[in-house]
Amino acid sequence: MADHSDGMNVHLAHRDVTLVAISRAPLAEIERFRQRMGWRFKWVSAHGSDFNYEFGVSFTPEEVAKGKLSYNYGTWPFAGQEWPAISVFYKDDAGQIFHTYSTYGRGVEVMMGTYNMLDLTPKGRDERDVDNKMEWVRHHDPL
């Protein structure tokens, strides 16, 4: 699978937009995986910060143990400490940063081009009988 992030980032940069992926893993782990996959996009670590908790996508073990999480502006009967989201921020000329948009759950699928293509086909994602809905996803390397 090709990494098209350089071309996308050029188009975004021409519009004064920067794409940054954020994960809670330590930066060394992120860098190892990014190198392994051959990805070149900017990826930073929120390890040791409250960033993910503040945006409602990371949960403590105690919250998970309750069996209901406050995610995507509702209560969800899911267990898991990490959930996906896309957030948008704006930095003004004075350097102030504003949170302008977030989307969660199915809203993040805009970043997964394969889902968009599968949704056009007669069988769609063909995940109805699968417990782990994304079990078909494979890394393109042999590890």
C-alpha atoms as a PDB file:
ATOM      1  CA  MET A   1       0.000   0.000   0.000  1.00  0.00           C
ATOM      2  CA  ALA A   2       1.468   3.330  -1.038  1.00  0.00           C
ATOM      3  CA  ASP A   3       1.789   6.218   1.372  1.00  0.00           C
ATOM      4  CA  HIS A   4       0.240   9.185  -0.404  1.00  0.00           C
ATOM      5  CA  SER A   5       0.656  11.504   2.564  1.00  0.00           C
ATOM      6  CA  ASP A   6       3.371  13.621   0.923  1.00  0.00           C
ATOM      7  CA  GLY A   7       1.099  14.573  -1.979  1.00  0.00           C
ATOM      8  CA  MET A   8      -1.862  15.154   0.316  1.00  0.00           C
ATOM      9  CA  ASN A   9       0.236  17.236   2.692  1.00  0.00           C
ATOM     10  CA  VAL A  10       1.426  19.430  -0.192  1.00  0.00           C
ATOM     11  CA  HIS A  11      -2.180  20.164  -1.141  1.00  0.00           C
ATOM     12  CA  LEU A  12      -3.099  20.853   2.476  1.00  0.00           C
ATOM     13  CA  ALA A  13      -0.060  23.085   3.026  1.00  0.00           C
ATOM     14  CA  HIS A  14      -1.116  25.211   0.045  1.00  0.00           C
ATOM     15  CA  ARG A  15      -4.295  25.906   2.020  1.00  0.00           C
ATOM     16  CA  ASP A  16      -2.410  26.646   5.271  1.00  0.00           C
ATOM     17  CA  VAL A  17      -3.486  23.291   6.747  1.00  0.00           C
ATOM     18  CA  THR A  18      -1.306  20.757   8.573  1.00  0.00           C
ATOM     19  CA  LEU A  19      -2.321  17.131   9.158  1.00  0.00           C
ATOM     20  CA  VAL A  20      -0.941  15.589  12.357  1.00  0.00           C
ATOM     21  CA  ALA A  21      -1.756  12.147  13.759  1.00  0.00           C
ATOM     22  CA  ILE A  22      -1.715  11.831  17.552  1.00  0.00           C
ATOM     23  CA  SER A  23      -1.371   8.611  19.546  1.00  0.00           C
ATOM     24  CA  ARG A  24      -0.893   7.935  23.246  1.00  0.00           C
ATOM     25  CA  ALA A  25       2.010   5.567  22.639  1.00  0.00           C
ATOM     26  CA  PRO A  26       5.485   6.835  23.501  1.00  0.00           C
ATOM     27  CA  LEU A  27       7.161   8.575  20.573  1.00  0.00           C
ATOM     28  CA  ALA A  28       9.798   5.840  20.198  1.00  0.00           C
ATOM     29  CA  GLU A  29       7.038   3.241  19.588  1.00  0.00           C
ATOM     30  CA  ILE A  30       5.285   5.530  17.125  1.00  0.00           C
ATOM     31  CA  GLU A  31       8.519   6.123  15.211  1.00  0.00           C
ATOM     32  CA  ARG A  32       9.340   2.391  15.062  1.00  0.00           C
ATOM     33  CA  PHE A  33       5.906   1.585  13.631  1.00  0.00           C
ATOM     34  CA  ARG A  34       5.912   4.577  11.259  1.00  0.00           C
ATOM     35  CA  GLN A  35       9.304   3.493   9.901  1.00  0.00           C
ATOM     36  CA  ARG A  36       8.194  -0.149   9.656  1.00  0.00           C
ATOM     37  CA  MET A  37       5.174   0.851   7.583  1.00  0.00           C
ATOM     38  CA  GLY A  38       7.065   3.401   5.504  1.00  0.00           C
ATOM     39  CA  TRP A  39       4.721   6.216   6.506  1.00  0.00           C
ATOM     40  CA  ARG A  40       5.953   9.791   6.197  1.00  0.00           C
ATOM     41  CA  PHE A  41       3.109  11.848   7.695  1.00  0.00           C
ATOM     42  CA  LYS A  42       3.625  13.823  10.902  1.00  0.00           C
ATOM     43  CA  TRP A  43       2.759  11.667  13.930  1.00  0.00           C
ATOM     44  CA  VAL A  44       3.194  12.897  17.501  1.00  0.00           C
ATOM     45  CA  SER A  45       2.763  11.417  20.957  1.00  0.00           C
ATOM     46  CA  ALA A  46       0.283  12.496  23.623  1.00  0.00           C
ATOM     47  CA  HIS A  47       1.940  10.036  26.028  1.00  0.00           C
ATOM     48  CA  GLY A  48       1.871  11.281  29.598  1.00  0.00           C
ATOM     49  CA  SER A  49      -0.636  14.048  28.857  1.00  0.00           C
ATOM     50  CA  ASP A  50      -4.398  14.413  29.351  1.00  0.00           C
ATOM     51  CA  PHE A  51      -5.016  15.335  25.696  1.00  0.00           C
ATOM     52  CA  ASN A  52      -6.962  12.181  24.753  1.00  0.00           C
ATOM     53  CA  TYR A  53      -8.935  12.208  28.011  1.00  0.00           C
ATOM     54  CA  GLU A  54      -9.895  15.850  27.519  1.00  0.00           C
ATOM     55  CA  PHE A  55     -11.247  15.075  24.050  1.00  0.00           C
ATOM     56  CA  GLY A  56     -13.220  12.040  25.226  1.00  0.00           C
ATOM     57  CA  VAL A  57     -11.338   9.313  23.363  1.00  0.00           C
ATOM     58  CA  SER A  58      -9.295   7.696  26.155  1.00  0.00           C
ATOM     59  CA  PHE A  59     -10.780   6.122  29.250  1.00  0.00           C
ATOM     60  CA  THR A  60      -9.426   4.927  32.573  1.00  0.00           C
ATOM     61  CA  PRO A  61      -9.633   1.238  33.527  1.00  0.00           C
ATOM     62  CA  GLU A  62     -12.268   2.247  36.124  1.00  0.00           C
ATOM     63  CA  GLU A  63     -14.436   3.887  33.439  1.00  0.00           C
ATOM     64  CA  VAL A  64     -14.091   0.832  31.192  1.00  0.00           C
ATOM     65  CA  ALA A  65     -15.029  -1.514  34.084  1.00  0.00           C
ATOM     66  CA  LYS A  66     -18.402   0.254  34.391  1.00  0.00           C
ATOM     67  CA  GLY A  67     -19.304  -1.100  30.928  1.00  0.00           C
ATOM     68  CA  LYS A  68     -20.651   2.226  29.654  1.00  0.00           C
ATOM     69  CA  LEU A  69     -18.533   5.021  28.250  1.00  0.00           C
ATOM     70  CA  SER A  70     -19.360   8.620  27.481  1.00  0.00           C
ATOM     71  CA  TYR A  71     -18.228   8.801  23.851  1.00  0.00           C
ATOM     72  CA  ASN A  72     -19.458  10.689  20.793  1.00  0.00           C
ATOM     73  CA  TYR A  73     -21.912  12.767  22.838  1.00  0.00           C
ATOM     74  CA  GLY A  74     -23.702   9.693  24.136  1.00  0.00           C
ATOM     75  CA  THR A  75     -23.370   6.644  26.357  1.00  0.00           C
ATOM     76  CA  TRP A  76     -21.914   3.582  24.685  1.00  0.00           C
ATOM     77  CA  PRO A  77     -21.941  -0.013  25.982  1.00  0.00           C
ATOM     78  CA  PHE A  78     -18.387  -0.629  24.829  1.00  0.00           C
ATOM     79  CA  ALA A  79     -15.309  -1.713  26.670  1.00  0.00           C
ATOM     80  CA  GLY A  80     -11.969  -0.339  25.622  1.00  0.00           C
ATOM     81  CA  GLN A  81      -9.577   2.341  26.722  1.00  0.00           C
ATOM     82  CA  GLU A  82      -9.070   4.009  23.322  1.00  0.00           C
ATOM     83  CA  TRP A  83     -11.572   5.199  20.714  1.00  0.00           C
ATOM     84  CA  PRO A  84     -11.042   7.120  17.476  1.00  0.00           C
ATOM     85  CA  ALA A  85     -11.729  10.765  16.710  1.00  0.00           C
ATOM     86  CA  ILE A  86     -10.715  13.532  14.351  1.00  0.00           C
ATOM     87  CA  SER A  87     -10.363  17.036  15.732  1.00  0.00           C
ATOM     88  CA  VAL A  88      -9.646  20.310  13.985  1.00  0.00           C
ATOM     89  CA  PHE A  89      -7.861  23.276  15.532  1.00  0.00           C
ATOM     90  CA  TYR A  90      -7.247  26.809  14.327  1.00  0.00           C
ATOM     91  CA  LYS A  91      -4.246  28.924  15.272  1.00  0.00           C
ATOM     92  CA  ASP A  92      -4.784  32.648  14.849  1.00  0.00           C
ATOM     93  CA  ASP A  93      -2.146  35.283  14.087  1.00  0.00           C
ATOM     94  CA  ALA A  94      -1.653  35.928  17.814  1.00  0.00           C
ATOM     95  CA  GLY A  95      -0.805  32.241  18.373  1.00  0.00           C
ATOM     96  CA  GLN A  96      -4.029  31.371  20.185  1.00  0.00           C
ATOM     97  CA  ILE A  97      -5.346  27.885  19.408  1.00  0.00           C
ATOM     98  CA  PHE A  98      -9.057  27.153  19.082  1.00  0.00           C
ATOM     99  CA  HIS A  99     -10.790  23.767  18.889  1.00  0.00           C
ATOM    100  CA  THR A 100     -13.218  24.135  15.975  1.00  0.00           C
ATOM    101  CA  TYR A 101     -14.518  20.638  15.188  1.00  0.00           C
ATOM    102  CA  SER A 102     -14.479  16.989  16.265  1.00  0.00           C
ATOM    103  CA  THR A 103     -16.032  13.846  14.859  1.00  0.00           C
ATOM    104  CA  TYR A 104     -16.123  10.405  16.435  1.00  0.00           C
ATOM    105  CA  GLY A 105     -17.096   6.809  15.644  1.00  0.00           C
ATOM    106  CA  ARG A 106     -18.243   6.404  12.048  1.00  0.00           C
ATOM    107  CA  GLY A 107     -17.286  10.030  11.386  1.00  0.00           C
ATOM    108  CA  VAL A 108     -13.600   9.124  11.339  1.00  0.00           C
ATOM    109  CA  GLU A 109     -14.119   6.776   8.398  1.00  0.00           C
ATOM    110  CA  VAL A 110     -13.519   9.695   6.049  1.00  0.00           C
ATOM    111  CA  MET A 111      -9.823   8.916   6.628  1.00  0.00           C
ATOM    112  CA  MET A 112     -10.265   5.269   5.569  1.00  0.00           C
ATOM    113  CA  GLY A 113     -10.564   5.315   1.787  1.00  0.00           C
ATOM    114  CA  THR A 114     -11.124   1.550   1.585  1.00  0.00           C
ATOM    115  CA  TYR A 115     -14.381   1.847   3.544  1.00  0.00           C
ATOM    116  CA  ASN A 116     -15.605   4.543   1.158  1.00  0.00           C
ATOM    117  CA  MET A 117     -14.951   2.255  -1.814  1.00  0.00           C
ATOM    118  CA  LEU A 118     -16.476  -0.837  -0.165  1.00  0.00           C
ATOM    119  CA  ASP A 119     -19.627   1.131   0.685  1.00  0.00           C
ATOM    120  CA  LEU A 120     -20.232   1.565  -3.072  1.00  0.00           C
ATOM    121  CA  THR A 121     -20.214  -2.186  -3.784  1.00  0.00           C
ATOM    122  CA  PRO A 122     -23.189  -4.604  -3.642  1.00  0.00           C
ATOM    123  CA  LYS A 123     -21.856  -6.469  -0.569  1.00  0.00           C
ATOM    124  CA  GLY A 124     -20.540  -3.317   1.084  1.00  0.00           C
ATOM    125  CA  ARG A 125     -18.142  -3.996   3.911  1.00  0.00           C
ATOM    126  CA  ASP A 126     -19.398  -7.582   4.251  1.00  0.00           C
ATOM    127  CA  GLU A 127     -18.880  -7.460   8.024  1.00  0.00           C
ATOM    128  CA  ARG A 128     -22.301  -8.588   9.245  1.00  0.00           C
ATOM    129  CA  ASP A 129     -21.144 -11.937  10.628  1.00  0.00           C
ATOM    130  CA  VAL A 130     -17.851 -10.737  12.044  1.00  0.00           C
ATOM    131  CA  ASP A 131     -17.369  -9.930  15.736  1.00  0.00           C
ATOM    132  CA  ASN A 132     -14.311  -7.765  15.127  1.00  0.00           C
ATOM    133  CA  LYS A 133     -15.536  -5.497  12.345  1.00  0.00           C
ATOM    134  CA  MET A 134     -12.036  -4.556  11.210  1.00  0.00           C
ATOM    135  CA  GLU A 135     -10.453  -8.009  11.390  1.00  0.00           C
ATOM    136  CA  TRP A 136      -9.895  -7.927   7.617  1.00  0.00           C
ATOM    137  CA  VAL A 137      -7.449  -5.026   7.947  1.00  0.00           C
ATOM    138  CA  ARG A 138      -3.849  -6.145   7.523  1.00  0.00           C
ATOM    139  CA  HIS A 139      -0.582  -4.248   7.686  1.00  0.00           C
ATOM    140  CA  HIS A 140       1.168  -4.359   4.335  1.00  0.00           C
ATOM    141  CA  ASP A 141       4.415  -5.675   5.794  1.00  0.00           C
ATOM    142  CA  PRO A 142       5.148  -9.302   6.808  1.00  0.00           C
ATOM    143  CA  LEU A 143       5.342  -8.689  10.592  1.00  0.00           C
END
